[in-house]
Amino acid sequence: MGALQIAAVIILLVASVHLWIVNTKNKKLFSMVSDQIKGNQDVRRTLAMGLYSRFRKKEYDKEGNPIDEKLSEMFLREEPHDFEDFVARIYERLYGGSACVTSGSGDYGVDIEHRIGDKVVYIQVKCEKSNQPFDPIAKVHSNMVKHGADAGIVVSVSDFTENAKKYAEGINVELINGVQLVDMWIKSLQTEKEQIQLLNPENI
């Protein structure tokens, strides 16, 4: 093996070691930040509030005109239907399968249909500041029974009333509040990064 080839091998080895060190540091840093967020209830609740602000419906005055919000360009602002896509992608990254957003009208309380193999899960998402009553739970459960879905989920950026929580007991409908959604979001980001790294490690 010539000197040039030896040098090339050494460079490749050094680059590989450097890449491994950077990846390890990045993974540790992400894990540290993730652990800090998960361990801090105030941070998680603040992030849930941020999701509400990002995806909430536009407000209108008494004449029906949209109220112009003077928000910084730094803030993310999307439409409520984008929240459905946001949640669908989280469920796909965490649990696999295919999470399809239903049509905007006539969904009868089912925003996302998540298929994992033969299993079908109906999901409804709510981006509202008040705690959710039992109504969305009843709609999801009704559709589960009607169409033979295996399970149901109601996702809210806020929380659920005590009556709603009691109503959901024993009917196979899971309730995910804003803090739990934040935890799932963070976990899904780590999962996505790991998947990308497996497919194309040199870009991480």
Protein backbone atom coordinates (compact mmCIF):
# COMPACT_ATOMS: atom_id res chain seq x y z
CA MET A 1 0.00 0.00 0.00
CA GLY A 2 1.48 3.33 -1.07
CA ALA A 3 1.96 6.38 1.13
CA LEU A 4 -0.94 8.17 -0.60
CA GLN A 5 -3.31 5.27 0.06
CA ILE A 6 -2.19 5.05 3.68
CA ALA A 7 -2.82 8.77 4.11
CA ALA A 8 -6.28 8.41 2.58
CA VAL A 9 -7.14 5.54 4.95
CA ILE A 10 -5.92 7.57 7.95
CA ILE A 11 -8.01 10.58 6.87
CA LEU A 12 -11.08 8.37 6.51
CA LEU A 13 -10.50 6.83 9.93
CA VAL A 14 -10.03 10.25 11.56
CA ALA A 15 -13.18 11.55 9.83
CA SER A 16 -15.15 8.50 10.97
CA VAL A 17 -14.00 8.91 14.56
CA HIS A 18 -14.77 12.65 14.46
CA LEU A 19 -18.24 11.96 13.06
CA TRP A 20 -18.89 9.35 15.77
CA ILE A 21 -17.79 11.81 18.49
CA VAL A 22 -20.01 14.59 17.08
CA ASN A 23 -22.99 12.23 16.81
CA THR A 24 -22.46 11.01 20.37
CA LYS A 25 -22.22 14.57 21.68
CA ASN A 26 -25.32 15.65 19.76
CA LYS A 27 -27.26 12.65 21.00
CA LYS A 28 -26.18 13.31 24.59
CA LEU A 29 -27.06 17.01 24.26
CA PHE A 30 -30.50 16.23 22.83
CA SER A 31 -31.05 13.67 25.56
CA MET A 32 -30.01 16.17 28.27
CA VAL A 33 -32.32 18.87 26.92
CA SER A 34 -35.15 16.34 26.52
CA ASP A 35 -34.68 15.11 30.10
CA GLN A 36 -34.68 18.68 31.41
CA ILE A 37 -37.94 19.45 29.61
CA LYS A 38 -39.58 16.23 30.75
CA GLY A 39 -38.53 16.92 34.32
CA ASN A 40 -39.85 20.47 34.34
CA GLN A 41 -43.64 20.73 34.44
CA ASP A 42 -43.59 24.51 33.86
CA VAL A 43 -41.59 24.17 30.64
CA ARG A 44 -43.90 21.46 29.32
CA ARG A 45 -47.00 23.50 30.14
CA THR A 46 -45.43 26.53 28.44
CA LEU A 47 -44.73 24.48 25.32
CA ALA A 48 -48.33 23.23 25.33
CA MET A 49 -49.50 26.86 25.53
CA GLY A 50 -47.19 27.64 22.62
CA LEU A 51 -48.84 24.91 20.53
CA TYR A 52 -52.22 26.50 21.26
CA SER A 53 -50.93 29.89 20.10
CA ARG A 54 -49.38 28.36 16.98
CA PHE A 55 -52.47 26.48 15.77
CA ARG A 56 -55.46 28.27 17.32
CA LYS A 57 -58.35 29.59 15.28
CA LYS A 58 -58.31 33.19 14.13
CA GLU A 59 -60.39 35.62 16.16
CA TYR A 60 -63.08 37.84 14.65
CA ASP A 61 -64.74 41.07 15.76
CA LYS A 62 -68.51 41.58 16.13
CA GLU A 63 -68.86 42.34 12.40
CA GLY A 64 -67.16 39.08 11.47
CA ASN A 65 -63.90 40.66 10.33
CA PRO A 66 -60.68 38.88 11.27
CA ILE A 67 -58.79 40.61 14.06
CA ASP A 68 -55.34 41.58 12.82
CA GLU A 69 -52.75 40.19 15.20
CA LYS A 70 -49.52 42.15 15.49
CA LEU A 71 -47.31 39.15 16.08
CA SER A 72 -43.56 38.99 15.69
CA GLU A 73 -42.35 37.24 12.54
CA MET A 74 -40.34 35.01 14.86
CA PHE A 75 -43.53 33.35 16.12
CA LEU A 76 -44.89 30.34 14.28
CA ARG A 77 -48.49 30.77 13.19
CA GLU A 78 -50.41 28.08 11.32
CA GLU A 79 -54.01 27.16 10.63
CA PRO A 80 -56.03 24.83 12.89
CA HIS A 81 -56.10 22.12 10.19
CA ASP A 82 -52.28 22.14 10.27
CA PHE A 83 -52.55 20.92 13.84
CA GLU A 84 -54.15 17.74 12.55
CA ASP A 85 -51.13 17.14 10.28
CA PHE A 86 -48.79 17.94 13.18
CA VAL A 87 -50.40 15.31 15.42
CA ALA A 88 -50.66 12.76 12.60
CA ARG A 89 -46.91 12.98 11.93
CA ILE A 90 -46.17 12.50 15.65
CA TYR A 91 -48.23 9.31 15.73
CA GLU A 92 -46.61 7.98 12.56
CA ARG A 93 -43.10 8.61 13.87
CA LEU A 94 -43.81 7.05 17.25
CA TYR A 95 -45.99 4.09 16.30
CA GLY A 96 -45.45 3.55 12.58
CA GLY A 97 -48.27 2.77 10.20
CA SER A 98 -50.15 5.42 8.25
CA ALA A 99 -51.92 8.35 9.91
CA CYS A 100 -54.23 10.04 7.39
CA VAL A 101 -56.02 13.32 8.07
CA THR A 102 -59.70 13.07 7.16
CA SER A 103 -61.53 15.66 5.07
CA GLY A 104 -62.26 18.97 6.76
CA SER A 105 -66.03 18.65 6.46
CA GLY A 106 -68.15 15.66 7.35
CA ASP A 107 -65.54 13.89 9.47
CA TYR A 108 -68.11 13.45 12.27
CA GLY A 109 -65.52 13.98 14.99
CA VAL A 110 -62.67 11.92 13.53
CA ASP A 111 -59.75 14.08 12.38
CA ILE A 112 -57.14 11.36 11.87
CA GLU A 113 -57.41 7.71 10.94
CA HIS A 114 -54.29 5.86 12.10
CA ARG A 115 -53.75 2.40 10.60
CA ILE A 116 -51.11 0.10 12.04
CA GLY A 117 -51.33 -3.23 10.28
CA ASP A 118 -54.91 -4.45 10.74
CA LYS A 119 -55.54 -2.06 13.64
CA VAL A 120 -57.53 1.16 13.08
CA VAL A 121 -57.43 4.03 15.58
CA TYR A 122 -59.67 7.11 15.33
CA ILE A 123 -58.13 10.36 16.59
CA GLN A 124 -59.76 13.72 17.20
CA VAL A 125 -57.61 16.77 17.98
CA LYS A 126 -58.68 19.93 19.80
CA CYS A 127 -56.71 23.17 19.79
CA GLU A 128 -58.74 25.14 22.32
CA LYS A 129 -57.77 27.00 25.48
CA SER A 130 -60.49 25.53 27.69
CA ASN A 131 -60.56 22.01 29.11
CA GLN A 132 -62.43 19.63 26.84
CA PRO A 133 -65.84 18.26 27.88
CA PHE A 134 -67.04 14.73 27.11
CA ASP A 135 -68.50 15.66 23.68
CA PRO A 136 -65.43 14.89 21.52
CA ILE A 137 -64.94 11.63 23.42
CA ALA A 138 -68.54 10.65 22.72
CA LYS A 139 -68.14 11.44 19.01
CA VAL A 140 -64.98 9.36 18.68
CA HIS A 141 -66.52 6.46 20.58
CA SER A 142 -69.69 6.61 18.49
CA ASN A 143 -67.63 6.36 15.30
CA MET A 144 -65.56 3.52 16.74
CA VAL A 145 -68.72 1.52 17.37
CA LYS A 146 -70.29 2.47 14.04
CA HIS A 147 -67.27 1.66 11.86
CA GLY A 148 -65.57 -1.02 13.95
CA ALA A 149 -62.40 0.88 14.84
CA ASP A 150 -60.12 -0.77 17.40
CA ALA A 151 -59.48 2.26 19.59
CA GLY A 152 -59.97 6.00 19.89
CA ILE A 153 -57.88 8.95 21.04
CA VAL A 154 -58.73 12.56 21.80
CA VAL A 155 -55.75 14.94 21.78
CA SER A 156 -56.01 18.39 23.36
CA VAL A 157 -53.44 21.16 23.82
CA SER A 158 -55.23 21.98 27.06
CA ASP A 159 -56.75 19.32 29.33
CA PHE A 160 -60.05 17.55 30.01
CA THR A 161 -62.79 18.15 32.53
CA GLU A 162 -63.24 15.64 35.33
CA ASN A 163 -66.53 14.52 33.76
CA ALA A 164 -64.74 13.91 30.46
CA LYS A 165 -62.07 11.82 32.17
CA LYS A 166 -64.71 9.71 33.91
CA TYR A 167 -66.66 9.34 30.65
CA ALA A 168 -63.56 7.99 28.87
CA GLU A 169 -63.03 5.25 31.45
CA GLY A 170 -63.79 1.79 30.14
CA ILE A 171 -64.70 2.75 26.55
CA ASN A 172 -61.21 2.35 25.00
CA VAL A 173 -60.74 6.07 24.29
CA GLU A 174 -57.37 7.46 25.39
CA LEU A 175 -57.08 11.11 26.44
CA ILE A 176 -53.88 13.02 25.64
CA ASN A 177 -53.52 16.47 27.20
CA GLY A 178 -51.14 19.26 26.23
CA VAL A 179 -48.27 18.19 28.49
CA GLN A 180 -48.49 14.59 27.27
CA LEU A 181 -48.55 15.82 23.67
CA VAL A 182 -45.37 17.83 24.28
CA ASP A 183 -43.69 14.69 25.66
CA MET A 184 -44.76 12.74 22.57
CA TRP A 185 -43.56 15.53 20.27
CA ILE A 186 -40.09 15.55 21.85
CA LYS A 187 -39.87 11.77 21.73
CA SER A 188 -40.95 11.79 18.07
CA LEU A 189 -38.20 14.27 17.19
CA GLN A 190 -35.59 11.96 18.70
CA THR A 191 -37.14 8.99 16.86
CA GLU A 192 -37.07 10.90 13.56
CA LYS A 193 -33.43 11.85 14.05
CA GLU A 194 -32.47 8.24 14.76
CA GLN A 195 -34.33 7.05 11.66
CA ILE A 196 -32.56 9.63 9.46
CA GLN A 197 -29.23 8.63 10.96
CA LEU A 198 -29.85 4.98 10.09
CA LEU A 199 -30.73 5.88 6.49
CA ASN A 200 -27.99 8.46 5.92
CA PRO A 201 -25.52 8.64 8.84
CA GLU A 202 -23.03 10.93 7.09
CA ASN A 203 -25.58 13.79 7.13
CA ILE A 204 -26.03 13.74 10.92
